[in-house]
Amino acid sequence: MKRIGFTMQLHAGYEEEYRRRHDALWPELAELLHQAGIGNYSIFLDPGTLRLFAYMEVADPYDPNWLPQQPVMQRWWAMMGDIMDTNPDTSPVSIPLTEVFHLD
C-alpha cells in the first residue's frame, strides 16, 4: 500500500454541508473507490482556514488516471463543485503533499 496526502479548499459557510454530503456518500461511489484500490480514506477540516486535508492508502500499483474517467466520480465532483474550489473539469483543486515522516 502507498500513502497519499493532499489538501483541498472548502468555501466559507459550507462546513456542515460538506459533512452532510459525505455522511450520505453514495454506495456506488464507495464501491468505485474500493475498485480503484483506495482504502483507509479520511478527510480532515482545519476550521480556521477551511483547508481540507485528505489521507488515503492506495494499492500498488495504483492508476490515478482511472478514477477521473468514471461517470460516478464525475457526478460526485459536479455535485460538490458549488462548495469547494474546483478545476474546469469539476474535479476538486487538490494539492499533493510530500510525506516527510511515517511511524509504523
PDB file of N, CA and C in Angstrom:
ATOM      1  N   MET A   1       0.837  -1.185   0.000  1.00  0.00           N
ATOM      2  CA  MET A   1       0.000   0.000   0.000  1.00  0.00           C
ATOM      3  C   MET A   1       0.878   1.244   0.000  1.00  0.00           C
ATOM      4  N   LYS A   2       0.421   2.241  -0.693  1.00  0.00           N
ATOM      5  CA  LYS A   2       1.095   3.532  -0.743  1.00  0.00           C
ATOM      6  C   LYS A   2       0.209   4.551  -0.033  1.00  0.00           C
ATOM      7  N   ARG A   3       0.807   5.458   0.719  1.00  0.00           N
ATOM      8  CA  ARG A   3       0.069   6.503   1.431  1.00  0.00           C
ATOM      9  C   ARG A   3       0.092   7.778   0.598  1.00  0.00           C
ATOM     10  N   ILE A   4      -1.071   8.435   0.499  1.00  0.00           N
ATOM     11  CA  ILE A   4      -1.200   9.679  -0.261  1.00  0.00           C
ATOM     12  C   ILE A   4      -1.884  10.720   0.617  1.00  0.00           C
ATOM     13  N   GLY A   5      -1.344  11.924   0.626  1.00  0.00           N
ATOM     14  CA  GLY A   5      -1.961  13.039   1.323  1.00  0.00           C
ATOM     15  C   GLY A   5      -2.091  14.224   0.381  1.00  0.00           C
ATOM     16  N   PHE A   6      -3.179  14.954   0.517  1.00  0.00           N
ATOM     17  CA  PHE A   6      -3.379  16.145  -0.309  1.00  0.00           C
ATOM     18  C   PHE A   6      -4.333  17.089   0.392  1.00  0.00           C
ATOM     19  N   THR A   7      -4.351  18.338  -0.055  1.00  0.00           N
ATOM     20  CA  THR A   7      -5.271  19.317   0.504  1.00  0.00           C
ATOM     21  C   THR A   7      -6.242  19.801  -0.560  1.00  0.00           C
ATOM     22  N   MET A   8      -7.386  20.288  -0.090  1.00  0.00           N
ATOM     23  CA  MET A   8      -8.407  20.899  -0.933  1.00  0.00           C
ATOM     24  C   MET A   8      -8.934  22.100  -0.167  1.00  0.00           C
ATOM     25  N   GLN A   9      -9.723  22.937  -0.828  1.00  0.00           N
ATOM     26  CA  GLN A   9     -10.222  24.148  -0.173  1.00  0.00           C
ATOM     27  C   GLN A   9     -11.746  24.185  -0.184  1.00  0.00           C
ATOM     28  N   LEU A  10     -12.323  24.300   1.006  1.00  0.00           N
ATOM     29  CA  LEU A  10     -13.769  24.404   1.171  1.00  0.00           C
ATOM     30  C   LEU A  10     -14.171  25.871   1.153  1.00  0.00           C
ATOM     31  N   HIS A  11     -15.327  26.188   0.588  1.00  0.00           N
ATOM     32  CA  HIS A  11     -15.838  27.551   0.598  1.00  0.00           C
ATOM     33  C   HIS A  11     -16.432  27.877   1.974  1.00  0.00           C
ATOM     34  N   ALA A  12     -16.327  29.122   2.369  1.00  0.00           N
ATOM     35  CA  ALA A  12     -16.823  29.582   3.670  1.00  0.00           C
ATOM     36  C   ALA A  12     -18.317  29.323   3.811  1.00  0.00           C
ATOM     37  N   GLY A  13     -18.691  28.847   4.982  1.00  0.00           N
ATOM     38  CA  GLY A  13     -20.093  28.626   5.295  1.00  0.00           C
ATOM     39  C   GLY A  13     -20.616  27.257   4.906  1.00  0.00           C
ATOM     40  N   TYR A  14     -19.791  26.399   4.344  1.00  0.00           N
ATOM     41  CA  TYR A  14     -20.249  25.093   3.863  1.00  0.00           C
ATOM     42  C   TYR A  14     -19.703  23.912   4.658  1.00  0.00           C
ATOM     43  N   GLU A  15     -19.215  24.169   5.855  1.00  0.00           N
ATOM     44  CA  GLU A  15     -18.632  23.096   6.659  1.00  0.00           C
ATOM     45  C   GLU A  15     -19.638  21.973   6.928  1.00  0.00           C
ATOM     46  N   GLU A  16     -20.825  22.337   7.391  1.00  0.00           N
ATOM     47  CA  GLU A  16     -21.832  21.315   7.708  1.00  0.00           C
ATOM     48  C   GLU A  16     -22.374  20.648   6.449  1.00  0.00           C
ATOM     49  N   GLU A  17     -22.503  21.386   5.379  1.00  0.00           N
ATOM     50  CA  GLU A  17     -22.982  20.803   4.122  1.00  0.00           C
ATOM     51  C   GLU A  17     -21.980  19.784   3.585  1.00  0.00           C
ATOM     52  N   TYR A  18     -20.698  20.104   3.688  1.00  0.00           N
ATOM     53  CA  TYR A  18     -19.652  19.172   3.249  1.00  0.00           C
ATOM     54  C   TYR A  18     -19.754  17.875   4.058  1.00  0.00           C
ATOM     55  N   ARG A  19     -19.901  18.013   5.370  1.00  0.00           N
ATOM     56  CA  ARG A  19     -20.028  16.835   6.233  1.00  0.00           C
ATOM     57  C   ARG A  19     -21.304  16.057   5.888  1.00  0.00           C
ATOM     58  N   ARG A  20     -22.414  16.765   5.693  1.00  0.00           N
ATOM     59  CA  ARG A  20     -23.687  16.102   5.379  1.00  0.00           C
ATOM     60  C   ARG A  20     -23.585  15.286   4.100  1.00  0.00           C
ATOM     61  N   ARG A  21     -22.978  15.870   3.074  1.00  0.00           N
ATOM     62  CA  ARG A  21     -22.858  15.147   1.803  1.00  0.00           C
ATOM     63  C   ARG A  21     -21.982  13.908   1.941  1.00  0.00           C
ATOM     64  N   HIS A  22     -20.935  14.001   2.723  1.00  0.00           N
ATOM     65  CA  HIS A  22     -20.068  12.835   2.901  1.00  0.00           C
ATOM     66  C   HIS A  22     -20.705  11.791   3.821  1.00  0.00           C
ATOM     67  N   ASP A  23     -21.516  12.215   4.760  1.00  0.00           N
ATOM     68  CA  ASP A  23     -22.241  11.262   5.604  1.00  0.00           C
ATOM     69  C   ASP A  23     -23.215  10.431   4.762  1.00  0.00           C
ATOM     70  N   ALA A  24     -23.658  10.997   3.644  1.00  0.00           N
ATOM     71  CA  ALA A  24     -24.588  10.304   2.744  1.00  0.00           C
ATOM     72  C   ALA A  24     -23.872   9.846   1.468  1.00  0.00           C
ATOM     73  N   LEU A  25     -22.597   9.471   1.604  1.00  0.00           N
ATOM     74  CA  LEU A  25     -21.804   9.035   0.444  1.00  0.00           C
ATOM     75  C   LEU A  25     -22.546   7.947  -0.321  1.00  0.00           C
ATOM     76  N   TRP A  26     -22.611   8.109  -1.615  1.00  0.00           N
ATOM     77  CA  TRP A  26     -23.301   7.144  -2.464  1.00  0.00           C
ATOM     78  C   TRP A  26     -22.619   5.778  -2.366  1.00  0.00           C
ATOM     79  N   PRO A  27     -23.376   4.712  -2.189  1.00  0.00           N
ATOM     80  CA  PRO A  27     -22.773   3.369  -2.146  1.00  0.00           C
ATOM     81  C   PRO A  27     -21.979   3.052  -3.406  1.00  0.00           C
ATOM     82  N   GLU A  28     -22.468   3.503  -4.558  1.00  0.00           N
ATOM     83  CA  GLU A  28     -21.741   3.213  -5.804  1.00  0.00           C
ATOM     84  C   GLU A  28     -20.409   3.967  -5.864  1.00  0.00           C
ATOM     85  N   LEU A  29     -20.305   5.104  -5.195  1.00  0.00           N
ATOM     86  CA  LEU A  29     -19.036   5.814  -5.145  1.00  0.00           C
ATOM     87  C   LEU A  29     -18.069   5.102  -4.203  1.00  0.00           C
ATOM     88  N   ALA A  30     -18.571   4.656  -3.061  1.00  0.00           N
ATOM     89  CA  ALA A  30     -17.718   3.892  -2.141  1.00  0.00           C
ATOM     90  C   ALA A  30     -17.167   2.651  -2.832  1.00  0.00           C
ATOM     91  N   GLU A  31     -18.018   1.954  -3.564  1.00  0.00           N
ATOM     92  CA  GLU A  31     -17.577   0.760  -4.294  1.00  0.00           C
ATOM     93  C   GLU A  31     -16.543   1.122  -5.363  1.00  0.00           C
ATOM     94  N   LEU A  32     -16.760   2.220  -6.057  1.00  0.00           N
ATOM     95  CA  LEU A  32     -15.817   2.662  -7.080  1.00  0.00           C
ATOM     96  C   LEU A  32     -14.448   2.973  -6.470  1.00  0.00           C
ATOM     97  N   LEU A  33     -14.438   3.642  -5.326  1.00  0.00           N
ATOM     98  CA  LEU A  33     -13.172   3.944  -4.657  1.00  0.00           C
ATOM     99  C   LEU A  33     -12.439   2.655  -4.288  1.00  0.00           C
ATOM    100  N   HIS A  34     -13.179   1.675  -3.793  1.00  0.00           N
ATOM    101  CA  HIS A  34     -12.554   0.387  -3.484  1.00  0.00           C
ATOM    102  C   HIS A  34     -12.037  -0.295  -4.745  1.00  0.00           C
ATOM    103  N   GLN A  35     -12.801  -0.234  -5.829  1.00  0.00           N
ATOM    104  CA  GLN A  35     -12.355  -0.823  -7.093  1.00  0.00           C
ATOM    105  C   GLN A  35     -11.065  -0.170  -7.583  1.00  0.00           C
ATOM    106  N   ALA A  36     -10.912   1.116  -7.299  1.00  0.00           N
ATOM    107  CA  ALA A  36      -9.708   1.838  -7.708  1.00  0.00           C
ATOM    108  C   ALA A  36      -8.506   1.478  -6.846  1.00  0.00           C
ATOM    109  N   GLY A  37      -8.749   0.746  -5.753  1.00  0.00           N
ATOM    110  CA  GLY A  37      -7.658   0.366  -4.863  1.00  0.00           C
ATOM    111  C   GLY A  37      -7.462   1.316  -3.701  1.00  0.00           C
ATOM    112  N   ILE A  38      -8.461   2.165  -3.434  1.00  0.00           N
ATOM    113  CA  ILE A  38      -8.373   3.150  -2.352  1.00  0.00           C
ATOM    114  C   ILE A  38      -9.003   2.575  -1.086  1.00  0.00           C
ATOM    115  N   GLY A  39      -8.299   2.728   0.011  1.00  0.00           N
ATOM    116  CA  GLY A  39      -8.804   2.302   1.304  1.00  0.00           C
ATOM    117  C   GLY A  39      -8.281   3.233   2.383  1.00  0.00           C
ATOM    118  N   ASN A  40      -8.774   3.054   3.582  1.00  0.00           N
ATOM    119  CA  ASN A  40      -8.338   3.865   4.723  1.00  0.00           C
ATOM    120  C   ASN A  40      -8.296   5.348   4.342  1.00  0.00           C
ATOM    121  N   TYR A  41      -9.425   5.857   3.871  1.00  0.00           N
ATOM    122  CA  TYR A  41      -9.537   7.209   3.327  1.00  0.00           C
ATOM    123  C   TYR A  41     -10.204   8.103   4.365  1.00  0.00           C
ATOM    124  N   SER A  42      -9.516   9.173   4.745  1.00  0.00           N
ATOM    125  CA  SER A  42     -10.051  10.132   5.704  1.00  0.00           C
ATOM    126  C   SER A  42      -9.854  11.541   5.183  1.00  0.00           C
ATOM    127  N   ILE A  43     -10.788  12.426   5.552  1.00  0.00           N
ATOM    128  CA  ILE A  43     -10.662  13.844   5.224  1.00  0.00           C
ATOM    129  C   ILE A  43     -10.849  14.629   6.517  1.00  0.00           C
ATOM    130  N   PHE A  44      -9.940  15.565   6.771  1.00  0.00           N
ATOM    131  CA  PHE A  44      -9.966  16.390   7.973  1.00  0.00           C
ATOM    132  C   PHE A  44     -10.143  17.843   7.567  1.00  0.00           C
ATOM    133  N   LEU A  45     -10.793  18.620   8.421  1.00  0.00           N
ATOM    134  CA  LEU A  45     -11.029  20.039   8.155  1.00  0.00           C
ATOM    135  C   LEU A  45     -10.290  20.894   9.172  1.00  0.00           C
ATOM    136  N   ASP A  46      -9.557  21.897   8.686  1.00  0.00           N
ATOM    137  CA  ASP A  46      -8.995  22.929   9.549  1.00  0.00           C
ATOM    138  C   ASP A  46     -10.030  24.043   9.582  1.00  0.00           C
ATOM    139  N   PRO A  47     -10.763  24.205  10.691  1.00  0.00           N
ATOM    140  CA  PRO A  47     -11.843  25.188  10.714  1.00  0.00           C
ATOM    141  C   PRO A  47     -11.371  26.633  10.584  1.00  0.00           C
ATOM    142  N   GLY A  48     -10.120  26.907  10.890  1.00  0.00           N
ATOM    143  CA  GLY A  48      -9.610  28.276  10.778  1.00  0.00           C
ATOM    144  C   GLY A  48      -9.349  28.708   9.350  1.00  0.00           C
ATOM    145  N   THR A  49      -8.929  27.767   8.507  1.00  0.00           N
ATOM    146  CA  THR A  49      -8.586  28.104   7.118  1.00  0.00           C
ATOM    147  C   THR A  49      -9.546  27.493   6.107  1.00  0.00           C
ATOM    148  N   LEU A  50     -10.398  26.576   6.568  1.00  0.00           N
ATOM    149  CA  LEU A  50     -11.302  25.791   5.716  1.00  0.00           C
ATOM    150  C   LEU A  50     -10.530  24.910   4.737  1.00  0.00           C
ATOM    151  N   ARG A  51      -9.267  24.654   5.059  1.00  0.00           N
ATOM    152  CA  ARG A  51      -8.443  23.746   4.259  1.00  0.00           C
ATOM    153  C   ARG A  51      -8.813  22.327   4.658  1.00  0.00           C
ATOM    154  N   LEU A  52      -9.065  21.488   3.659  1.00  0.00           N
ATOM    155  CA  LEU A  52      -9.335  20.073   3.870  1.00  0.00           C
ATOM    156  C   LEU A  52      -8.039  19.299   3.665  1.00  0.00           C
ATOM    157  N   PHE A  53      -7.737  18.389   4.567  1.00  0.00           N
ATOM    158  CA  PHE A  53      -6.583  17.514   4.426  1.00  0.00           C
ATOM    159  C   PHE A  53      -7.103  16.101   4.228  1.00  0.00           C
ATOM    160  N   ALA A  54      -6.706  15.483   3.137  1.00  0.00           N
ATOM    161  CA  ALA A  54      -7.154  14.124   2.837  1.00  0.00           C
ATOM    162  C   ALA A  54      -5.974  13.166   2.923  1.00  0.00           C
ATOM    163  N   TYR A  55      -6.252  11.985   3.464  1.00  0.00           N
ATOM    164  CA  TYR A  55      -5.266  10.919   3.559  1.00  0.00           C
ATOM    165  C   TYR A  55      -5.923   9.645   3.060  1.00  0.00           C
ATOM    166  N   MET A  56      -5.206   8.921   2.209  1.00  0.00           N
ATOM    167  CA  MET A  56      -5.722   7.638   1.760  1.00  0.00           C
ATOM    168  C   MET A  56      -4.566   6.694   1.484  1.00  0.00           C
ATOM    169  N   GLU A  57      -4.891   5.429   1.543  1.00  0.00           N
ATOM    170  CA  GLU A  57      -3.934   4.401   1.185  1.00  0.00           C
ATOM    171  C   GLU A  57      -4.425   3.770  -0.108  1.00  0.00           C
ATOM    172  N   VAL A  58      -3.500   3.552  -1.024  1.00  0.00           N
ATOM    173  CA  VAL A  58      -3.855   3.009  -2.327  1.00  0.00           C
ATOM    174  C   VAL A  58      -3.050   1.749  -2.617  1.00  0.00           C
ATOM    175  N   ALA A  59      -3.656   0.864  -3.378  1.00  0.00           N
ATOM    176  CA  ALA A  59      -2.996  -0.372  -3.771  1.00  0.00           C
ATOM    177  C   ALA A  59      -1.806  -0.044  -4.675  1.00  0.00           C
ATOM    178  N   ASP A  60      -0.853  -0.922  -4.666  1.00  0.00           N
ATOM    179  CA  ASP A  60       0.308  -0.773  -5.540  1.00  0.00           C
ATOM    180  C   ASP A  60       0.259  -1.899  -6.556  1.00  0.00           C
ATOM    181  N   PRO A  61       0.090  -1.663  -7.834  1.00  0.00           N
ATOM    182  CA  PRO A  61       0.108  -0.345  -8.470  1.00  0.00           C
ATOM    183  C   PRO A  61      -1.250   0.352  -8.386  1.00  0.00           C
ATOM    184  N   TYR A  62      -1.215   1.659  -8.474  1.00  0.00           N
ATOM    185  CA  TYR A  62      -2.406   2.499  -8.435  1.00  0.00           C
ATOM    186  C   TYR A  62      -2.383   3.390  -9.666  1.00  0.00           C
ATOM    187  N   ASP A  63      -3.495   3.436 -10.398  1.00  0.00           N
ATOM    188  CA  ASP A  63      -3.585   4.273 -11.601  1.00  0.00           C
ATOM    189  C   ASP A  63      -4.425   5.500 -11.295  1.00  0.00           C
ATOM    190  N   PRO A  64      -3.797   6.663 -11.055  1.00  0.00           N
ATOM    191  CA  PRO A  64      -4.560   7.862 -10.715  1.00  0.00           C
ATOM    192  C   PRO A  64      -5.400   8.404 -11.863  1.00  0.00           C
ATOM    193  N   ASN A  65      -5.204   7.897 -13.073  1.00  0.00           N
ATOM    194  CA  ASN A  65      -5.961   8.374 -14.231  1.00  0.00           C
ATOM    195  C   ASN A  65      -7.269   7.621 -14.452  1.00  0.00           C
ATOM    196  N   TRP A  66      -7.458   6.482 -13.783  1.00  0.00           N
ATOM    197  CA  TRP A  66      -8.656   5.672 -13.996  1.00  0.00           C
ATOM    198  C   TRP A  66      -9.889   6.302 -13.350  1.00  0.00           C
ATOM    199  N   LEU A  67      -9.786   6.686 -12.103  1.00  0.00           N
ATOM    200  CA  LEU A  67     -10.935   7.199 -11.354  1.00  0.00           C
ATOM    201  C   LEU A  67     -11.575   8.439 -11.989  1.00  0.00           C
ATOM    202  N   PRO A  68     -10.803   9.442 -12.427  1.00  0.00           N
ATOM    203  CA  PRO A  68     -11.429  10.636 -13.025  1.00  0.00           C
ATOM    204  C   PRO A  68     -12.244  10.356 -14.287  1.00  0.00           C
ATOM    205  N   GLN A  69     -12.032   9.213 -14.910  1.00  0.00           N
ATOM    206  CA  GLN A  69     -12.763   8.873 -16.139  1.00  0.00           C
ATOM    207  C   GLN A  69     -14.115   8.222 -15.849  1.00  0.00           C
ATOM    208  N   GLN A  70     -14.366   7.870 -14.599  1.00  0.00           N
ATOM    209  CA  GLN A  70     -15.577   7.132 -14.248  1.00  0.00           C
ATOM    210  C   GLN A  70     -16.767   8.078 -14.056  1.00  0.00           C
ATOM    211  N   PRO A  71     -17.916   7.780 -14.682  1.00  0.00           N
ATOM    212  CA  PRO A  71     -19.091   8.653 -14.584  1.00  0.00           C
ATOM    213  C   PRO A  71     -19.552   8.927 -13.150  1.00  0.00           C
ATOM    214  N   VAL A  72     -19.474   7.951 -12.260  1.00  0.00           N
ATOM    215  CA  VAL A  72     -19.900   8.166 -10.876  1.00  0.00           C
ATOM    216  C   VAL A  72     -19.016   9.218 -10.217  1.00  0.00           C
ATOM    217  N   MET A  73     -17.715   9.131 -10.455  1.00  0.00           N
ATOM    218  CA  MET A  73     -16.791  10.108  -9.888  1.00  0.00           C
ATOM    219  C   MET A  73     -17.067  11.491 -10.453  1.00  0.00           C
ATOM    220  N   GLN A  74     -17.332  11.577 -11.739  1.00  0.00           N
ATOM    221  CA  GLN A  74     -17.630  12.866 -12.378  1.00  0.00           C
ATOM    222  C   GLN A  74     -18.910  13.476 -11.822  1.00  0.00           C
ATOM    223  N   ARG A  75     -19.935  12.651 -11.565  1.00  0.00           N
ATOM    224  CA  ARG A  75     -21.186  13.157 -10.985  1.00  0.00           C
ATOM    225  C   ARG A  75     -20.963  13.666  -9.562  1.00  0.00           C
ATOM    226  N   TRP A  76     -20.144  12.957  -8.777  1.00  0.00           N
ATOM    227  CA  TRP A  76     -19.850  13.400  -7.414  1.00  0.00           C
ATOM    228  C   TRP A  76     -19.142  14.749  -7.441  1.00  0.00           C
ATOM    229  N   TRP A  77     -18.137  14.877  -8.285  1.00  0.00           N
ATOM    230  CA  TRP A  77     -17.416  16.149  -8.388  1.00  0.00           C
ATOM    231  C   TRP A  77     -18.356  17.281  -8.784  1.00  0.00           C
ATOM    232  N   ALA A  78     -19.249  17.024  -9.733  1.00  0.00           N
ATOM    233  CA  ALA A  78     -20.198  18.055 -10.161  1.00  0.00           C
ATOM    234  C   ALA A  78     -21.087  18.478  -8.996  1.00  0.00           C
ATOM    235  N   MET A  79     -21.507  17.513  -8.177  1.00  0.00           N
ATOM    236  CA  MET A  79     -22.350  17.834  -7.034  1.00  0.00           C
ATOM    237  C   MET A  79     -21.588  18.638  -5.977  1.00  0.00           C
ATOM    238  N   MET A  80     -20.311  18.367  -5.807  1.00  0.00           N
ATOM    239  CA  MET A  80     -19.514  19.033  -4.774  1.00  0.00           C
ATOM    240  C   MET A  80     -18.974  20.381  -5.231  1.00  0.00           C
ATOM    241  N   GLY A  81     -19.038  20.679  -6.502  1.00  0.00           N
ATOM    242  CA  GLY A  81     -18.408  21.863  -7.069  1.00  0.00           C
ATOM    243  C   GLY A  81     -18.907  23.193  -6.545  1.00  0.00           C
ATOM    244  N   ASP A  82     -20.108  23.229  -5.992  1.00  0.00           N
ATOM    245  CA  ASP A  82     -20.630  24.501  -5.503  1.00  0.00           C
ATOM    246  C   ASP A  82     -20.102  24.868  -4.121  1.00  0.00           C
ATOM    247  N   ILE A  83     -19.421  23.950  -3.447  1.00  0.00           N
ATOM    248  CA  ILE A  83     -18.982  24.238  -2.081  1.00  0.00           C
ATOM    249  C   ILE A  83     -17.466  24.181  -1.887  1.00  0.00           C
ATOM    250  N   MET A  84     -16.720  23.966  -2.979  1.00  0.00           N
ATOM    251  CA  MET A  84     -15.266  23.904  -2.852  1.00  0.00           C
ATOM    252  C   MET A  84     -14.588  24.360  -4.135  1.00  0.00           C
ATOM    253  N   ASP A  85     -13.303  24.666  -4.036  1.00  0.00           N
ATOM    254  CA  ASP A  85     -12.544  25.072  -5.220  1.00  0.00           C
ATOM    255  C   ASP A  85     -12.434  23.886  -6.175  1.00  0.00           C
ATOM    256  N   THR A  86     -12.707  24.158  -7.471  1.00  0.00           N
ATOM    257  CA  THR A  86     -12.658  23.093  -8.471  1.00  0.00           C
ATOM    258  C   THR A  86     -11.878  23.530  -9.697  1.00  0.00           C
ATOM    259  N   ASN A  87     -11.469  22.522 -10.461  1.00  0.00           N
ATOM    260  CA  ASN A  87     -10.826  22.720 -11.751  1.00  0.00           C
ATOM    261  C   ASN A  87     -11.905  22.842 -12.824  1.00  0.00           C
ATOM    262  N   PRO A  88     -11.522  23.238 -14.045  1.00  0.00           N
ATOM    263  CA  PRO A  88     -12.513  23.351 -15.126  1.00  0.00           C
ATOM    264  C   PRO A  88     -13.287  22.055 -15.404  1.00  0.00           C
ATOM    265  N   ASP A  89     -12.687  20.888 -15.109  1.00  0.00           N
ATOM    266  CA  ASP A  89     -13.385  19.614 -15.347  1.00  0.00           C
ATOM    267  C   ASP A  89     -14.251  19.200 -14.149  1.00  0.00           C
ATOM    268  N   THR A  90     -14.447  20.077 -13.189  1.00  0.00           N
ATOM    269  CA  THR A  90     -15.215  19.920 -11.945  1.00  0.00           C
ATOM    270  C   THR A  90     -14.507  19.102 -10.866  1.00  0.00           C
ATOM    271  N   SER A  91     -13.328  18.576 -11.155  1.00  0.00           N
ATOM    272  CA  SER A  91     -12.578  17.878 -10.106  1.00  0.00           C
ATOM    273  C   SER A  91     -12.125  18.898  -9.076  1.00  0.00           C
ATOM    274  N   PRO A  92     -11.994  18.468  -7.818  1.00  0.00           N
ATOM    275  CA  PRO A  92     -11.542  19.425  -6.807  1.00  0.00           C
ATOM    276  C   PRO A  92     -10.089  19.835  -7.056  1.00  0.00           C
ATOM    277  N   VAL A  93      -9.795  21.085  -6.789  1.00  0.00           N
ATOM    278  CA  VAL A  93      -8.397  21.515  -6.814  1.00  0.00           C
ATOM    279  C   VAL A  93      -7.732  20.805  -5.646  1.00  0.00           C
ATOM    280  N   SER A  94      -6.771  19.968  -5.938  1.00  0.00           N
ATOM    281  CA  SER A  94      -6.079  19.244  -4.873  1.00  0.00           C
ATOM    282  C   SER A  94      -4.586  19.463  -5.007  1.00  0.00           C
ATOM    283  N   ILE A  95      -3.964  19.712  -3.879  1.00  0.00           N
ATOM    284  CA  ILE A  95      -2.530  19.972  -3.839  1.00  0.00           C
ATOM    285  C   ILE A  95      -1.868  18.773  -3.167  1.00  0.00           C
ATOM    286  N   PRO A  96      -1.048  18.022  -3.921  1.00  0.00           N
ATOM    287  CA  PRO A  96      -0.403  16.855  -3.329  1.00  0.00           C
ATOM    288  C   PRO A  96       0.602  17.267  -2.257  1.00  0.00           C
ATOM    289  N   LEU A  97       0.700  16.451  -1.234  1.00  0.00           N
ATOM    290  CA  LEU A  97       1.645  16.681  -0.151  1.00  0.00           C
ATOM    291  C   LEU A  97       2.758  15.637  -0.213  1.00  0.00           C
ATOM    292  N   THR A  98       3.937  16.027   0.216  1.00  0.00           N
ATOM    293  CA  THR A  98       5.085  15.129   0.248  1.00  0.00           C
ATOM    294  C   THR A  98       5.207  14.542   1.653  1.00  0.00           C
ATOM    295  N   GLU A  99       5.230  13.236   1.736  1.00  0.00           N
ATOM    296  CA  GLU A  99       5.398  12.592   3.036  1.00  0.00           C
ATOM    297  C   GLU A  99       6.820  12.835   3.530  1.00  0.00           C
ATOM    298  N   VAL A 100       6.951  13.344   4.732  1.00  0.00           N
ATOM    299  CA  VAL A 100       8.267  13.604   5.308  1.00  0.00           C
ATOM    300  C   VAL A 100       8.533  12.757   6.555  1.00  0.00           C
ATOM    301  N   PHE A 101       7.512  12.080   7.068  1.00  0.00           N
ATOM    302  CA  PHE A 101       7.700  11.206   8.219  1.00  0.00           C
ATOM    303  C   PHE A 101       6.578  10.198   8.279  1.00  0.00           C
ATOM    304  N   HIS A 102       6.927   8.976   8.683  1.00  0.00           N
ATOM    305  CA  HIS A 102       5.932   7.926   8.903  1.00  0.00           C
ATOM    306  C   HIS A 102       6.429   7.017  10.011  1.00  0.00           C
ATOM    307  N   LEU A 103       5.584   6.737  10.990  1.00  0.00           N
ATOM    308  CA  LEU A 103       5.889   5.794  12.049  1.00  0.00           C
ATOM    309  C   LEU A 103       4.961   4.619  11.893  1.00  0.00           C
ATOM    310  N   ASP A 104       5.529   3.462  11.707  1.00  0.00           N
ATOM    311  CA  ASP A 104       4.742   2.253  11.500  1.00  0.00           C
ATOM    312  C   ASP A 104       4.530   1.517  12.792  1.00  0.00           C
TER     313      ASP A 104
END
